[in-house]
Amino acid sequence: MLHINPSEIPVPQLHGYLLGSVSPRPICFASTVDAQGQVNLAPYSFFNVFSANPPVLIFSPARRVQGNTTKHTLENVLETKEVVVNIVSYAMVQQMSLASTEYPKGVNEFVKAGFTEVASEMVKPPRVAEAPVQMECRVREVMSLGEHGGAGNLVIVEVVKLHIDENILDEEGVIDPLKIDTVARMGGNWYSRAKAGLFEVPKPLRTLGIGVDALPEEIRLSSVLTGNDLGQLANVEALPQSGKGYAADAATHREAHNYLEAGQLEAAWNVLLLK
């Protein structure tokens, strides 16, 4: 049995122990805007629901351990006091992961991750159309837990409008856990899925993935490749090049999809490049 004083080990090591222990954790996929209206979209697994009357959620964008800087989400909620909490299903997990890339301020992760913006009704930030549940929220309070790298910031929000995809409801109008098919964070690269247990999603590149918007049209507009497929293909540092272009036929896209389902990104790109 290890006996650990948190103050005696490096913060990254403590972070790993905490995240590996307190799991699975639901994911808050937060869309915000800054004072100039620039959109940001980012996931946070320090998140849960804490009250039904009033309906209150809390999530925590922690200060970065390296550099001790704050997240764009935190900066935005402090400026505008509004956020949309989008719930993540398995069908969108790869795109969600891509949206966690540290793009510069002003870059719209909806575009980079290939998500669809839907105008909210009571707050300024847009909703993620692909999310099975979208909750428009106003910020009640932001509580700083410290000034050093790794310190959390509790963003306490009240839900003012709820949007639910009717396809996830059962015959009695209750959310069916198998139909909503949510995912949750474990430690490291690991996630859990509501109806299938554990699976792994490699972390986004430390450098910038090219984003779904930079994929060739033959791939980006495919009727075969899924959002998860596009999220994986877009998480490369540079677009693989072919002098003859990229395959647009359904059979090749199905082959690439099968490789991506098996976690073989390089093989998928190889079949998509025209020889």
Protein backbone atom coordinates (compact mmCIF):
# COMPACT_ATOMS: atom_id res chain seq x y z
CA MET A 1 0.00 0.00 0.00
CA LEU A 2 1.38 3.41 -1.01
CA HIS A 3 1.09 6.18 1.57
CA ILE A 4 1.33 9.59 -0.13
CA ASN A 5 1.41 13.13 1.20
CA PRO A 6 0.09 15.24 -1.72
CA SER A 7 2.52 18.03 -0.93
CA GLU A 8 5.52 15.71 -1.30
CA ILE A 9 5.07 14.52 -4.90
CA PRO A 10 5.09 16.46 -8.21
CA VAL A 11 1.73 17.89 -9.28
CA PRO A 12 1.61 15.87 -12.57
CA GLN A 13 2.08 12.64 -10.61
CA LEU A 14 -0.61 13.62 -8.10
CA HIS A 15 -2.88 14.59 -11.02
CA GLY A 16 -2.45 11.13 -12.51
CA TYR A 17 -3.28 9.38 -9.25
CA LEU A 18 -6.40 11.50 -8.71
CA LEU A 19 -7.74 11.06 -12.25
CA GLY A 20 -6.98 7.35 -12.25
CA SER A 21 -8.79 6.91 -8.93
CA VAL A 22 -11.82 9.18 -9.26
CA SER A 23 -13.39 7.62 -12.32
CA PRO A 24 -15.34 7.33 -14.50
CA ARG A 25 -16.01 11.06 -14.69
CA PRO A 26 -18.76 12.59 -16.87
CA ILE A 27 -17.68 15.11 -19.48
CA CYS A 28 -18.81 18.73 -19.69
CA PHE A 29 -18.39 19.82 -23.31
CA ALA A 30 -18.52 23.57 -22.74
CA SER A 31 -19.25 26.11 -25.46
CA THR A 32 -18.58 29.74 -24.56
CA VAL A 33 -18.02 33.12 -26.19
CA ASP A 34 -15.78 35.99 -25.15
CA ALA A 35 -16.78 39.65 -24.93
CA GLN A 36 -16.10 40.04 -28.67
CA GLY A 37 -18.32 37.06 -29.56
CA GLN A 38 -15.49 34.67 -30.46
CA VAL A 39 -16.59 31.05 -29.90
CA ASN A 40 -14.70 28.45 -27.89
CA LEU A 41 -15.50 24.76 -27.35
CA ALA A 42 -13.65 22.52 -24.89
CA PRO A 43 -14.24 19.39 -22.74
CA TYR A 44 -13.80 19.12 -18.96
CA SER A 45 -14.08 15.97 -16.87
CA PHE A 46 -14.11 17.74 -13.50
CA PHE A 47 -17.91 17.98 -13.81
CA ASN A 48 -21.24 16.89 -12.34
CA VAL A 49 -24.82 17.89 -11.46
CA PHE A 50 -25.34 19.10 -7.89
CA SER A 51 -28.94 20.30 -7.61
CA ALA A 52 -32.31 19.92 -9.33
CA ASN A 53 -34.15 22.81 -7.72
CA PRO A 54 -32.54 25.05 -8.81
CA PRO A 55 -30.86 22.97 -11.56
CA VAL A 56 -27.15 23.52 -10.89
CA LEU A 57 -24.08 22.05 -12.55
CA ILE A 58 -20.42 22.58 -11.62
CA PHE A 59 -17.36 22.10 -13.80
CA SER A 60 -13.76 23.10 -13.22
CA PRO A 61 -11.30 24.42 -15.81
CA ALA A 62 -8.05 23.97 -13.89
CA ARG A 63 -5.02 26.18 -14.34
CA ARG A 64 -2.45 24.57 -16.63
CA VAL A 65 0.35 22.84 -14.71
CA GLN A 66 2.87 23.94 -17.32
CA GLY A 67 3.01 27.72 -17.42
CA ASN A 68 0.25 28.22 -14.81
CA THR A 69 -2.03 29.84 -17.40
CA THR A 70 -5.84 29.78 -17.52
CA LYS A 71 -8.12 28.16 -20.10
CA HIS A 72 -10.06 30.19 -22.66
CA THR A 73 -13.28 28.72 -21.24
CA LEU A 74 -12.58 30.19 -17.82
CA GLU A 75 -11.67 33.57 -19.30
CA ASN A 76 -14.89 33.57 -21.34
CA VAL A 77 -17.26 32.66 -18.48
CA LEU A 78 -15.70 35.38 -16.34
CA GLU A 79 -16.34 37.89 -19.14
CA THR A 80 -19.84 36.88 -20.27
CA LYS A 81 -21.28 34.73 -17.42
CA GLU A 82 -22.85 32.26 -19.87
CA VAL A 83 -22.05 28.73 -21.10
CA VAL A 84 -23.71 25.81 -22.85
CA VAL A 85 -22.98 22.38 -21.36
CA ASN A 86 -23.19 19.76 -24.13
CA ILE A 87 -23.31 16.06 -23.20
CA VAL A 88 -20.89 13.78 -25.08
CA SER A 89 -22.06 10.52 -26.66
CA TYR A 90 -19.82 7.81 -28.10
CA ALA A 91 -20.70 8.88 -31.66
CA MET A 92 -18.88 12.19 -31.15
CA VAL A 93 -16.03 11.22 -28.79
CA GLN A 94 -13.19 11.46 -31.33
CA GLN A 95 -14.30 14.92 -32.42
CA MET A 96 -14.66 15.95 -28.78
CA SER A 97 -11.11 14.80 -28.13
CA LEU A 98 -9.85 16.80 -31.11
CA ALA A 99 -11.59 19.89 -29.70
CA SER A 100 -9.42 19.59 -26.57
CA THR A 101 -6.36 20.57 -28.64
CA GLU A 102 -4.74 23.78 -27.41
CA TYR A 103 -5.64 25.96 -30.38
CA PRO A 104 -4.84 29.69 -30.07
CA LYS A 105 -7.48 32.05 -28.75
CA GLY A 106 -9.89 33.03 -31.52
CA VAL A 107 -9.79 29.63 -33.26
CA ASN A 108 -13.29 28.12 -33.33
CA GLU A 109 -13.14 24.49 -32.20
CA PHE A 110 -16.59 23.87 -33.72
CA VAL A 111 -14.91 24.32 -37.09
CA LYS A 112 -11.71 22.45 -36.21
CA ALA A 113 -13.56 19.45 -34.79
CA GLY A 114 -16.30 19.43 -37.44
CA PHE A 115 -19.24 20.16 -35.15
CA THR A 116 -22.38 22.09 -36.08
CA GLU A 117 -23.27 25.32 -34.26
CA VAL A 118 -26.92 25.78 -33.28
CA ALA A 119 -28.08 29.14 -31.90
CA SER A 120 -29.12 29.04 -28.27
CA GLU A 121 -32.41 30.57 -27.15
CA MET A 122 -31.49 32.22 -23.84
CA VAL A 123 -27.69 32.59 -23.86
CA LYS A 124 -25.12 33.76 -26.40
CA PRO A 125 -22.87 30.67 -26.75
CA PRO A 126 -24.01 28.23 -29.45
CA ARG A 127 -25.02 24.62 -28.82
CA VAL A 128 -23.41 21.51 -30.33
CA ALA A 129 -26.04 20.07 -32.68
CA GLU A 130 -24.53 16.58 -32.47
CA ALA A 131 -24.82 16.42 -28.66
CA PRO A 132 -27.80 14.34 -27.41
CA VAL A 133 -28.44 16.84 -24.59
CA GLN A 134 -27.59 20.56 -24.57
CA MET A 135 -28.03 22.74 -21.50
CA GLU A 136 -28.02 26.52 -21.75
CA CYS A 137 -26.63 27.93 -18.50
CA ARG A 138 -25.95 31.19 -16.72
CA VAL A 139 -23.01 31.45 -14.33
CA ARG A 140 -23.94 31.90 -10.66
CA GLU A 141 -20.42 31.97 -9.27
CA VAL A 142 -16.80 31.18 -10.15
CA MET A 143 -14.71 30.01 -7.19
CA SER A 144 -10.93 29.98 -7.53
CA LEU A 145 -9.26 27.16 -5.57
CA GLY A 146 -5.71 28.47 -5.89
CA GLU A 147 -3.22 30.45 -7.92
CA HIS A 148 -0.73 27.71 -8.80
CA GLY A 149 -0.63 25.31 -11.75
CA GLY A 150 -3.20 22.53 -11.35
CA ALA A 151 -5.56 24.62 -9.20
CA GLY A 152 -9.21 24.30 -10.12
CA ASN A 153 -11.81 26.99 -10.71
CA LEU A 154 -15.33 25.89 -9.80
CA VAL A 155 -17.74 27.28 -12.38
CA ILE A 156 -21.18 27.04 -10.77
CA VAL A 157 -23.93 27.39 -13.36
CA GLU A 158 -27.71 27.24 -13.42
CA VAL A 159 -29.53 25.55 -16.29
CA VAL A 160 -32.02 27.96 -17.90
CA LYS A 161 -32.95 25.88 -20.97
CA LEU A 162 -32.65 22.16 -21.68
CA HIS A 163 -32.62 20.57 -25.17
CA ILE A 164 -32.98 16.77 -25.44
CA ASP A 165 -32.88 14.63 -28.59
CA GLU A 166 -36.13 12.64 -28.52
CA ASN A 167 -34.32 9.64 -30.04
CA ILE A 168 -32.61 8.95 -26.69
CA LEU A 169 -35.92 8.66 -24.78
CA ASP A 170 -37.64 5.37 -23.92
CA GLU A 171 -41.37 4.65 -24.24
CA GLU A 172 -42.05 6.50 -20.98
CA GLY A 173 -40.16 9.63 -22.02
CA VAL A 174 -37.17 8.90 -19.77
CA ILE A 175 -33.59 9.10 -21.03
CA ASP A 176 -32.47 5.58 -21.92
CA PRO A 177 -28.83 5.04 -20.83
CA LEU A 178 -28.18 2.74 -23.78
CA LYS A 179 -29.64 5.16 -26.32
CA ILE A 180 -27.81 8.24 -25.02
CA ASP A 181 -24.61 6.13 -25.00
CA THR A 182 -22.57 8.61 -22.97
CA VAL A 183 -18.83 8.36 -22.45
CA ALA A 184 -16.80 9.18 -19.35
CA ARG A 185 -13.12 9.81 -18.59
CA MET A 186 -10.85 7.40 -16.82
CA GLY A 187 -7.11 7.87 -16.22
CA GLY A 188 -4.61 8.44 -19.05
CA ASN A 189 -6.08 7.78 -22.50
CA TRP A 190 -8.89 5.61 -21.16
CA TYR A 191 -12.63 6.26 -21.37
CA SER A 192 -15.68 4.22 -20.45
CA ARG A 193 -18.81 3.85 -22.56
CA ALA A 194 -22.33 3.48 -21.20
CA LYS A 195 -23.08 0.31 -23.14
CA ALA A 196 -19.70 -1.22 -23.84
CA GLY A 197 -17.24 -0.67 -20.99
CA LEU A 198 -13.68 0.59 -21.43
CA PHE A 199 -12.07 1.92 -24.62
CA GLU A 200 -9.04 4.06 -25.40
CA VAL A 201 -8.75 7.41 -27.20
CA PRO A 202 -5.19 8.62 -27.82
CA LYS A 203 -4.69 12.13 -26.49
CA PRO A 204 -4.64 14.91 -29.13
CA LEU A 205 -1.22 15.82 -30.42
CA ARG A 206 0.86 18.12 -28.25
CA THR A 207 1.21 20.18 -31.42
CA LEU A 208 -1.91 21.20 -33.38
CA GLY A 209 -4.01 18.70 -35.30
CA ILE A 210 -4.97 20.07 -38.73
CA GLY A 211 -8.70 19.99 -37.86
CA VAL A 212 -11.69 18.66 -39.77
CA ASP A 213 -11.93 21.92 -41.71
CA ALA A 214 -8.52 21.18 -43.29
CA LEU A 215 -9.47 17.72 -44.59
CA PRO A 216 -9.86 17.34 -48.38
CA GLU A 217 -13.44 17.75 -49.56
CA GLU A 218 -13.50 14.16 -50.86
CA ILE A 219 -13.01 13.00 -47.27
CA ARG A 220 -14.72 15.73 -45.26
CA LEU A 221 -18.01 15.38 -47.19
CA SER A 222 -17.98 11.57 -47.24
CA SER A 223 -21.32 9.82 -46.83
CA VAL A 224 -19.52 6.82 -45.30
CA LEU A 225 -16.98 8.23 -42.86
CA THR A 226 -18.43 9.11 -39.45
CA GLY A 227 -17.73 12.09 -37.22
CA ASN A 228 -15.46 9.88 -35.13
CA ASP A 229 -13.61 8.88 -38.32
CA LEU A 230 -13.11 12.52 -39.31
CA GLY A 231 -11.94 13.38 -35.81
CA GLN A 232 -9.20 10.76 -36.02
CA LEU A 233 -8.16 11.68 -39.57
CA ALA A 234 -7.94 15.36 -38.59
CA ASN A 235 -5.70 14.72 -35.59
CA VAL A 236 -2.47 14.75 -37.62
CA GLU A 237 0.18 17.47 -37.72
CA ALA A 238 0.15 17.71 -41.51
CA LEU A 239 -2.19 16.50 -44.25
CA PRO A 240 -0.78 13.35 -45.88
CA GLN A 241 -0.03 14.22 -49.48
CA SER A 242 -0.68 12.36 -52.71
CA GLY A 243 0.19 13.61 -56.16
CA LYS A 244 -3.00 12.03 -57.46
CA GLY A 245 -5.38 13.30 -54.79
CA TYR A 246 -7.70 11.45 -52.43
CA ALA A 247 -10.18 8.62 -52.89
CA ALA A 248 -13.82 9.65 -53.02
CA ASP A 249 -15.51 6.29 -53.65
CA ALA A 250 -17.64 4.60 -50.99
CA ALA A 251 -15.79 1.28 -51.10
CA THR A 252 -12.46 2.89 -50.23
CA HIS A 253 -14.09 4.99 -47.52
CA ARG A 254 -15.60 1.84 -45.99
CA GLU A 255 -12.15 0.25 -45.95
CA ALA A 256 -10.70 3.35 -44.26
CA HIS A 257 -13.58 3.31 -41.75
CA ASN A 258 -12.75 -0.29 -40.82
CA TYR A 259 -9.11 0.62 -40.23
CA LEU A 260 -10.16 3.56 -38.06
CA GLU A 261 -12.51 1.36 -36.06
CA ALA A 262 -9.47 -0.83 -35.35
CA GLY A 263 -7.38 2.19 -34.33
CA GLN A 264 -5.13 2.02 -37.41
CA LEU A 265 -4.93 5.66 -38.45
CA GLU A 266 -1.89 5.34 -40.72
CA ALA A 267 -3.45 2.44 -42.61
CA ALA A 268 -6.67 4.44 -43.08
CA TRP A 269 -4.75 7.36 -44.58
CA ASN A 270 -2.84 4.98 -46.84
CA VAL A 271 -6.00 3.66 -48.47
CA LEU A 272 -7.42 7.17 -48.86
CA LEU A 273 -4.37 8.37 -50.82
CA LEU A 274 -4.63 7.73 -54.54
CA LYS A 275 -1.53 5.91 -55.77
